[in-house]
Amino acid sequence: MAKSSDKRIAVTLECQVCRRRNYITTKNKVNDRERIEMKKYCRWDRSHTVHKETR
C-alpha cells in the first residue's frame, strides 16, 4: 500500500532576479508535471518577483 505523501514532493523555489533559493514548498507531481512558477516576495530585492522551481 502506497503512502498518501508519495504524490506530493518538496520543491525549492528560486528567485529569477537575484537567483537565491528563498522558499521550499510542496507540489502534487501527478497534477503538476511542469515546473511551477509563483510570484513571491524576495527579501533581498524587497519586491514581489517570479520564483521558479529548481531541481
PDB file of N, CA and C in Angstrom:
ATOM      1  N   MET A   1       0.835  -1.173   0.000  1.00  0.00           N
ATOM      2  CA  MET A   1       0.000   0.000   0.000  1.00  0.00           C
ATOM      3  C   MET A   1       0.886   1.245   0.000  1.00  0.00           C
ATOM      4  N   ALA A   2       0.589   2.184  -0.912  1.00  0.00           N
ATOM      5  CA  ALA A   2       1.401   3.384  -1.052  1.00  0.00           C
ATOM      6  C   ALA A   2       0.998   4.434  -0.021  1.00  0.00           C
ATOM      7  N   LYS A   3       1.982   5.222   0.392  1.00  0.00           N
ATOM      8  CA  LYS A   3       1.707   6.302   1.325  1.00  0.00           C
ATOM      9  C   LYS A   3       0.956   7.420   0.601  1.00  0.00           C
ATOM     10  N   SER A   4       0.193   8.181   1.342  1.00  0.00           N
ATOM     11  CA  SER A   4      -0.518   9.298   0.729  1.00  0.00           C
ATOM     12  C   SER A   4       0.441  10.428   0.364  1.00  0.00           C
ATOM     13  N   SER A   5       1.598  10.487   1.023  1.00  0.00           N
ATOM     14  CA  SER A   5       2.549  11.568   0.750  1.00  0.00           C
ATOM     15  C   SER A   5       3.437  11.282  -0.451  1.00  0.00           C
ATOM     16  N   ASP A   6       3.294  10.125  -1.094  1.00  0.00           N
ATOM     17  CA  ASP A   6       4.116   9.816  -2.265  1.00  0.00           C
ATOM     18  C   ASP A   6       3.771  10.698  -3.456  1.00  0.00           C
ATOM     19  N   LYS A   7       2.555  11.222  -3.496  1.00  0.00           N
ATOM     20  CA  LYS A   7       2.146  12.056  -4.614  1.00  0.00           C
ATOM     21  C   LYS A   7       2.609  13.492  -4.476  1.00  0.00           C
ATOM     22  N   ARG A   8       2.920  13.910  -3.262  1.00  0.00           N
ATOM     23  CA  ARG A   8       3.371  15.275  -3.031  1.00  0.00           C
ATOM     24  C   ARG A   8       4.875  15.270  -2.766  1.00  0.00           C
ATOM     25  N   ILE A   9       5.593  16.141  -3.483  1.00  0.00           N
ATOM     26  CA  ILE A   9       7.041  16.217  -3.320  1.00  0.00           C
ATOM     27  C   ILE A   9       7.434  17.631  -2.894  1.00  0.00           C
ATOM     28  N   ALA A  10       8.555  17.751  -2.219  1.00  0.00           N
ATOM     29  CA  ALA A  10       9.081  19.059  -1.810  1.00  0.00           C
ATOM     30  C   ALA A  10       9.890  19.657  -2.949  1.00  0.00           C
ATOM     31  N   VAL A  11       9.651  20.928  -3.255  1.00  0.00           N
ATOM     32  CA  VAL A  11      10.387  21.632  -4.304  1.00  0.00           C
ATOM     33  C   VAL A  11      10.955  22.927  -3.723  1.00  0.00           C
ATOM     34  N   THR A  12      12.035  23.390  -4.302  1.00  0.00           N
ATOM     35  CA  THR A  12      12.677  24.631  -3.899  1.00  0.00           C
ATOM     36  C   THR A  12      12.391  25.695  -4.953  1.00  0.00           C
ATOM     37  N   LEU A  13      12.033  26.892  -4.515  1.00  0.00           N
ATOM     38  CA  LEU A  13      11.741  27.991  -5.428  1.00  0.00           C
ATOM     39  C   LEU A  13      12.902  28.976  -5.429  1.00  0.00           C
ATOM     40  N   GLU A  14      13.333  29.356  -6.633  1.00  0.00           N
ATOM     41  CA  GLU A  14      14.470  30.255  -6.808  1.00  0.00           C
ATOM     42  C   GLU A  14      13.998  31.553  -7.430  1.00  0.00           C
ATOM     43  N   CYS A  15      14.452  32.663  -6.880  1.00  0.00           N
ATOM     44  CA  CYS A  15      14.123  33.984  -7.432  1.00  0.00           C
ATOM     45  C   CYS A  15      14.802  34.145  -8.794  1.00  0.00           C
ATOM     46  N   GLN A  16      14.065  34.657  -9.763  1.00  0.00           N
ATOM     47  CA  GLN A  16      14.619  34.815 -11.099  1.00  0.00           C
ATOM     48  C   GLN A  16      15.419  36.108 -11.249  1.00  0.00           C
ATOM     49  N   VAL A  17      15.342  36.992 -10.268  1.00  0.00           N
ATOM     50  CA  VAL A  17      16.097  38.248 -10.332  1.00  0.00           C
ATOM     51  C   VAL A  17      17.456  38.091  -9.655  1.00  0.00           C
ATOM     52  N   CYS A  18      17.450  37.654  -8.391  1.00  0.00           N
ATOM     53  CA  CYS A  18      18.713  37.573  -7.645  1.00  0.00           C
ATOM     54  C   CYS A  18      19.277  36.146  -7.607  1.00  0.00           C
ATOM     55  N   ARG A  19      18.515  35.158  -8.075  1.00  0.00           N
ATOM     56  CA  ARG A  19      18.941  33.748  -8.163  1.00  0.00           C
ATOM     57  C   ARG A  19      19.156  33.086  -6.803  1.00  0.00           C
ATOM     58  N   ARG A  20      18.559  33.624  -5.750  1.00  0.00           N
ATOM     59  CA  ARG A  20      18.653  32.980  -4.439  1.00  0.00           C
ATOM     60  C   ARG A  20      17.486  32.034  -4.258  1.00  0.00           C
ATOM     61  N   ARG A  21      17.734  30.975  -3.528  1.00  0.00           N
ATOM     62  CA  ARG A  21      16.691  29.982  -3.264  1.00  0.00           C
ATOM     63  C   ARG A  21      16.016  30.359  -1.952  1.00  0.00           C
ATOM     64  N   ASN A  22      14.841  30.953  -2.061  1.00  0.00           N
ATOM     65  CA  ASN A  22      14.178  31.567  -0.917  1.00  0.00           C
ATOM     66  C   ASN A  22      13.126  30.690  -0.264  1.00  0.00           C
ATOM     67  N   TYR A  23      12.428  29.877  -1.017  1.00  0.00           N
ATOM     68  CA  TYR A  23      11.268  29.170  -0.491  1.00  0.00           C
ATOM     69  C   TYR A  23      11.364  27.676  -0.754  1.00  0.00           C
ATOM     70  N   ILE A  24      10.764  26.892   0.154  1.00  0.00           N
ATOM     71  CA  ILE A  24      10.577  25.456  -0.033  1.00  0.00           C
ATOM     72  C   ILE A  24       9.089  25.203   0.126  1.00  0.00           C
ATOM     73  N   THR A  25       8.488  24.519  -0.842  1.00  0.00           N
ATOM     74  CA  THR A  25       7.064  24.238  -0.812  1.00  0.00           C
ATOM     75  C   THR A  25       6.831  22.831  -1.341  1.00  0.00           C
ATOM     76  N   THR A  26       5.592  22.398  -1.373  1.00  0.00           N
ATOM     77  CA  THR A  26       5.265  21.083  -1.915  1.00  0.00           C
ATOM     78  C   THR A  26       4.362  21.241  -3.117  1.00  0.00           C
ATOM     79  N   LYS A  27       4.404  20.245  -3.980  1.00  0.00           N
ATOM     80  CA  LYS A  27       3.502  20.233  -5.122  1.00  0.00           C
ATOM     81  C   LYS A  27       3.077  18.805  -5.391  1.00  0.00           C
ATOM     82  N   ASN A  28       1.948  18.665  -6.023  1.00  0.00           N
ATOM     83  CA  ASN A  28       1.419  17.364  -6.392  1.00  0.00           C
ATOM     84  C   ASN A  28       2.034  16.985  -7.741  1.00  0.00           C
ATOM     85  N   LYS A  29       2.891  15.964  -7.760  1.00  0.00           N
ATOM     86  CA  LYS A  29       3.591  15.623  -9.004  1.00  0.00           C
ATOM     87  C   LYS A  29       2.692  14.922 -10.010  1.00  0.00           C
ATOM     88  N   VAL A  30       1.524  14.448  -9.584  1.00  0.00           N
ATOM     89  CA  VAL A  30       0.585  13.827 -10.515  1.00  0.00           C
ATOM     90  C   VAL A  30      -0.142  14.902 -11.326  1.00  0.00           C
ATOM     91  N   ASN A  31      -0.580  15.965 -10.665  1.00  0.00           N
ATOM     92  CA  ASN A  31      -1.346  17.018 -11.334  1.00  0.00           C
ATOM     93  C   ASN A  31      -0.464  18.075 -11.985  1.00  0.00           C
ATOM     94  N   ASP A  32       0.691  18.370 -11.419  1.00  0.00           N
ATOM     95  CA  ASP A  32       1.584  19.423 -11.926  1.00  0.00           C
ATOM     96  C   ASP A  32       2.875  18.791 -12.417  1.00  0.00           C
ATOM     97  N   ARG A  33       2.911  18.449 -13.675  1.00  0.00           N
ATOM     98  CA  ARG A  33       4.101  17.814 -14.247  1.00  0.00           C
ATOM     99  C   ARG A  33       5.215  18.806 -14.531  1.00  0.00           C
ATOM    100  N   GLU A  34       4.856  20.023 -14.963  1.00  0.00           N
ATOM    101  CA  GLU A  34       5.860  21.020 -15.322  1.00  0.00           C
ATOM    102  C   GLU A  34       6.400  21.684 -14.064  1.00  0.00           C
ATOM    103  N   ARG A  35       7.448  22.469 -14.251  1.00  0.00           N
ATOM    104  CA  ARG A  35       7.987  23.243 -13.135  1.00  0.00           C
ATOM    105  C   ARG A  35       7.030  24.382 -12.822  1.00  0.00           C
ATOM    106  N   ILE A  36       6.830  24.636 -11.551  1.00  0.00           N
ATOM    107  CA  ILE A  36       5.876  25.672 -11.170  1.00  0.00           C
ATOM    108  C   ILE A  36       6.563  27.027 -11.084  1.00  0.00           C
ATOM    109  N   GLU A  37       5.789  28.083 -11.316  1.00  0.00           N
ATOM    110  CA  GLU A  37       6.239  29.464 -11.189  1.00  0.00           C
ATOM    111  C   GLU A  37       5.246  30.177 -10.297  1.00  0.00           C
ATOM    112  N   MET A  38       5.763  30.941  -9.341  1.00  0.00           N
ATOM    113  CA  MET A  38       4.904  31.701  -8.435  1.00  0.00           C
ATOM    114  C   MET A  38       5.501  33.079  -8.243  1.00  0.00           C
ATOM    115  N   LYS A  39       4.637  34.056  -8.029  1.00  0.00           N
ATOM    116  CA  LYS A  39       5.111  35.378  -7.650  1.00  0.00           C
ATOM    117  C   LYS A  39       5.173  35.421  -6.142  1.00  0.00           C
ATOM    118  N   LYS A  40       6.386  35.561  -5.600  1.00  0.00           N
ATOM    119  CA  LYS A  40       6.600  35.560  -4.162  1.00  0.00           C
ATOM    120  C   LYS A  40       7.459  36.769  -3.800  1.00  0.00           C
ATOM    121  N   TYR A  41       7.456  37.097  -2.517  1.00  0.00           N
ATOM    122  CA  TYR A  41       8.245  38.223  -2.040  1.00  0.00           C
ATOM    123  C   TYR A  41       9.701  37.805  -1.854  1.00  0.00           C
ATOM    124  N   CYS A  42      10.611  38.564  -2.416  1.00  0.00           N
ATOM    125  CA  CYS A  42      12.046  38.337  -2.244  1.00  0.00           C
ATOM    126  C   CYS A  42      12.574  39.422  -1.307  1.00  0.00           C
ATOM    127  N   ARG A  43      13.102  39.003  -0.163  1.00  0.00           N
ATOM    128  CA  ARG A  43      13.536  39.999   0.808  1.00  0.00           C
ATOM    129  C   ARG A  43      14.820  40.696   0.410  1.00  0.00           C
ATOM    130  N   TRP A  44      15.591  40.135  -0.498  1.00  0.00           N
ATOM    131  CA  TRP A  44      16.814  40.792  -0.946  1.00  0.00           C
ATOM    132  C   TRP A  44      16.514  41.843  -2.014  1.00  0.00           C
ATOM    133  N   ASP A  45      15.510  41.598  -2.843  1.00  0.00           N
ATOM    134  CA  ASP A  45      15.091  42.590  -3.843  1.00  0.00           C
ATOM    135  C   ASP A  45      14.062  43.562  -3.271  1.00  0.00           C
ATOM    136  N   ARG A  46      13.454  43.172  -2.143  1.00  0.00           N
ATOM    137  CA  ARG A  46      12.404  43.959  -1.480  1.00  0.00           C
ATOM    138  C   ARG A  46      11.223  44.217  -2.410  1.00  0.00           C
ATOM    139  N   SER A  47      10.853  43.204  -3.188  1.00  0.00           N
ATOM    140  CA  SER A  47       9.692  43.307  -4.066  1.00  0.00           C
ATOM    141  C   SER A  47       9.189  41.910  -4.402  1.00  0.00           C
ATOM    142  N   HIS A  48       8.013  41.848  -5.004  1.00  0.00           N
ATOM    143  CA  HIS A  48       7.466  40.577  -5.447  1.00  0.00           C
ATOM    144  C   HIS A  48       8.054  40.246  -6.812  1.00  0.00           C
ATOM    145  N   THR A  49       8.679  39.090  -6.925  1.00  0.00           N
ATOM    146  CA  THR A  49       9.305  38.657  -8.167  1.00  0.00           C
ATOM    147  C   THR A  49       8.856  37.242  -8.503  1.00  0.00           C
ATOM    148  N   VAL A  50       9.147  36.809  -9.705  1.00  0.00           N
ATOM    149  CA  VAL A  50       8.806  35.454 -10.129  1.00  0.00           C
ATOM    150  C   VAL A  50       9.814  34.482  -9.543  1.00  0.00           C
ATOM    151  N   HIS A  51       9.317  33.416  -8.934  1.00  0.00           N
ATOM    152  CA  HIS A  51      10.153  32.348  -8.385  1.00  0.00           C
ATOM    153  C   HIS A  51       9.828  31.075  -9.145  1.00  0.00           C
ATOM    154  N   LYS A  52      10.853  30.376  -9.625  1.00  0.00           N
ATOM    155  CA  LYS A  52      10.677  29.133 -10.374  1.00  0.00           C
ATOM    156  C   LYS A  52      11.195  27.953  -9.587  1.00  0.00           C
ATOM    157  N   GLU A  53      10.635  26.810  -9.871  1.00  0.00           N
ATOM    158  CA  GLU A  53      11.060  25.559  -9.243  1.00  0.00           C
ATOM    159  C   GLU A  53      12.446  25.148  -9.756  1.00  0.00           C
ATOM    160  N   THR A  54      13.294  24.723  -8.848  1.00  0.00           N
ATOM    161  CA  THR A  54      14.615  24.234  -9.230  1.00  0.00           C
ATOM    162  C   THR A  54      14.666  22.716  -9.044  1.00  0.00           C
ATOM    163  N   ARG A  55      15.675  22.110  -9.581  1.00  0.00           N
ATOM    164  CA  ARG A  55      15.818  20.645  -9.465  1.00  0.00           C
ATOM    165  C   ARG A  55      16.775  20.313  -8.352  1.00  0.00           C
TER     166      ARG A  55
END
